[in-house]
Amino acid sequence: MSYELNNYFGGECRLIGKPLVSKTRTGGSSPSTPELKKDINMIHKAIQFVNEAIEELKKVSWLGRKEVIASTIVISILIIIFAIFVGIIDLILSIIIKWLLG
């Protein structure tokens, strides 16, 4: 049994295909067993979660191209400044340690 999603996750899902458990002449299980209902319920919850996540992502205010480029440049400059700072501190400390150990 599989699911068909209509309207690009529009909330409608329906079962298509043959049931997972078929009836037999000897009195086999019905497709409406509690296990099958539990599986269908879990799948429906997963589909509902994806639908809600897509709706929330549509509400997000995404940065524009100029803002992303400006932020990237600022972060790159800050990384370079901190790298230079850490390098200077490391150089000073290594000179002091060499002087102390002599």
Protein backbone atom coordinates (compact mmCIF):
# COMPACT_ATOMS: atom_id res chain seq x y z
CA MET A 1 0.00 0.00 0.00
CA SER A 2 1.37 3.40 -0.84
CA TYR A 3 0.40 7.01 -0.41
CA GLU A 4 -0.34 9.63 -2.99
CA LEU A 5 0.15 13.28 -2.10
CA ASN A 6 -1.95 15.76 -4.01
CA ASN A 7 -1.64 19.52 -4.47
CA TYR A 8 2.07 19.71 -3.50
CA PHE A 9 1.60 18.60 0.09
CA GLY A 10 -1.82 20.21 0.19
CA GLY A 11 -2.81 18.07 3.13
CA GLU A 12 -4.69 15.40 1.20
CA CYS A 13 -3.32 11.90 1.29
CA ARG A 14 -5.06 8.76 0.17
CA LEU A 15 -4.22 5.11 0.00
CA ILE A 16 -3.60 3.52 -3.37
CA GLY A 17 -2.73 -0.03 -4.30
CA LYS A 18 -3.38 -3.31 -2.57
CA PRO A 19 -3.58 -3.64 1.24
CA LEU A 20 -0.50 -4.84 3.11
CA VAL A 21 -2.39 -7.83 4.53
CA SER A 22 -4.66 -9.77 2.20
CA LYS A 23 -7.59 -11.93 3.13
CA THR A 24 -7.28 -15.64 2.54
CA ARG A 25 -9.84 -18.42 2.26
CA THR A 26 -8.77 -19.71 5.66
CA GLY A 27 -9.77 -16.55 7.48
CA GLY A 28 -6.66 -14.42 7.21
CA SER A 29 -6.22 -11.02 8.75
CA SER A 30 -8.23 -8.01 7.73
CA PRO A 31 -6.34 -4.97 6.42
CA SER A 32 -7.82 -2.90 9.25
CA THR A 33 -5.67 -4.49 11.96
CA PRO A 34 -4.39 -2.18 14.74
CA GLU A 35 -0.81 -2.49 13.44
CA LEU A 36 -1.81 -1.22 10.00
CA LYS A 37 -3.81 1.63 11.51
CA LYS A 38 -0.79 2.54 13.66
CA ASP A 39 1.48 2.54 10.59
CA ILE A 40 -0.97 4.69 8.64
CA ASN A 41 -1.27 7.08 11.60
CA MET A 42 2.52 7.45 11.86
CA ILE A 43 2.81 8.11 8.12
CA HIS A 44 0.00 10.66 8.31
CA LYS A 45 1.78 12.41 11.22
CA ALA A 46 5.02 12.50 9.22
CA ILE A 47 3.22 13.99 6.22
CA GLN A 48 1.55 16.54 8.47
CA PHE A 49 4.94 17.48 9.98
CA VAL A 50 6.45 18.02 6.52
CA ASN A 51 3.44 20.13 5.47
CA GLU A 52 3.77 22.32 8.57
CA ALA A 53 7.53 22.67 8.09
CA ILE A 54 7.03 23.83 4.49
CA GLU A 55 4.43 26.38 5.61
CA GLU A 56 6.81 27.74 8.28
CA LEU A 57 9.65 28.00 5.76
CA LYS A 58 7.39 30.09 3.52
CA LYS A 59 6.98 32.57 6.42
CA VAL A 60 10.73 33.02 6.97
CA SER A 61 12.23 36.36 5.97
CA TRP A 62 15.30 35.30 3.99
CA LEU A 63 18.28 37.60 3.44
CA GLY A 64 18.78 39.13 0.03
CA ARG A 65 21.86 38.60 -2.14
CA LYS A 66 23.43 41.96 -1.15
CA GLU A 67 22.93 41.27 2.56
CA VAL A 68 24.51 37.82 2.29
CA ILE A 69 27.54 39.20 0.43
CA ALA A 70 27.96 42.07 2.94
CA SER A 71 27.71 39.68 5.91
CA THR A 72 30.24 37.32 4.32
CA ILE A 73 32.72 40.15 3.80
CA VAL A 74 32.33 41.38 7.40
CA ILE A 75 32.82 37.89 8.80
CA SER A 76 35.88 37.28 6.61
CA ILE A 77 37.49 40.55 7.76
CA LEU A 78 36.79 39.70 11.42
CA ILE A 79 38.34 36.25 11.01
CA ILE A 80 41.49 37.79 9.51
CA ILE A 81 41.72 40.34 12.36
CA PHE A 82 41.32 37.65 15.04
CA ALA A 83 43.86 35.40 13.30
CA ILE A 84 46.41 38.24 13.30
CA PHE A 85 45.65 38.96 16.97
CA VAL A 86 46.09 35.32 18.01
CA GLY A 87 49.29 35.11 15.94
CA ILE A 88 50.77 38.17 17.68
CA ILE A 89 49.84 36.83 21.13
CA ASP A 90 51.40 33.46 20.23
CA LEU A 91 54.59 35.14 19.02
CA ILE A 92 54.89 37.25 22.19
CA LEU A 93 54.27 34.26 24.47
CA SER A 94 56.77 32.08 22.59
CA ILE A 95 59.45 34.83 22.92
CA ILE A 96 58.74 35.11 26.68
CA ILE A 97 58.90 31.33 27.18
CA LYS A 98 62.18 31.06 25.23
CA TRP A 99 63.65 33.91 27.32
CA LEU A 100 62.53 32.23 30.59
CA LEU A 101 63.82 28.79 29.66
CA GLY A 102 66.88 30.35 28.13
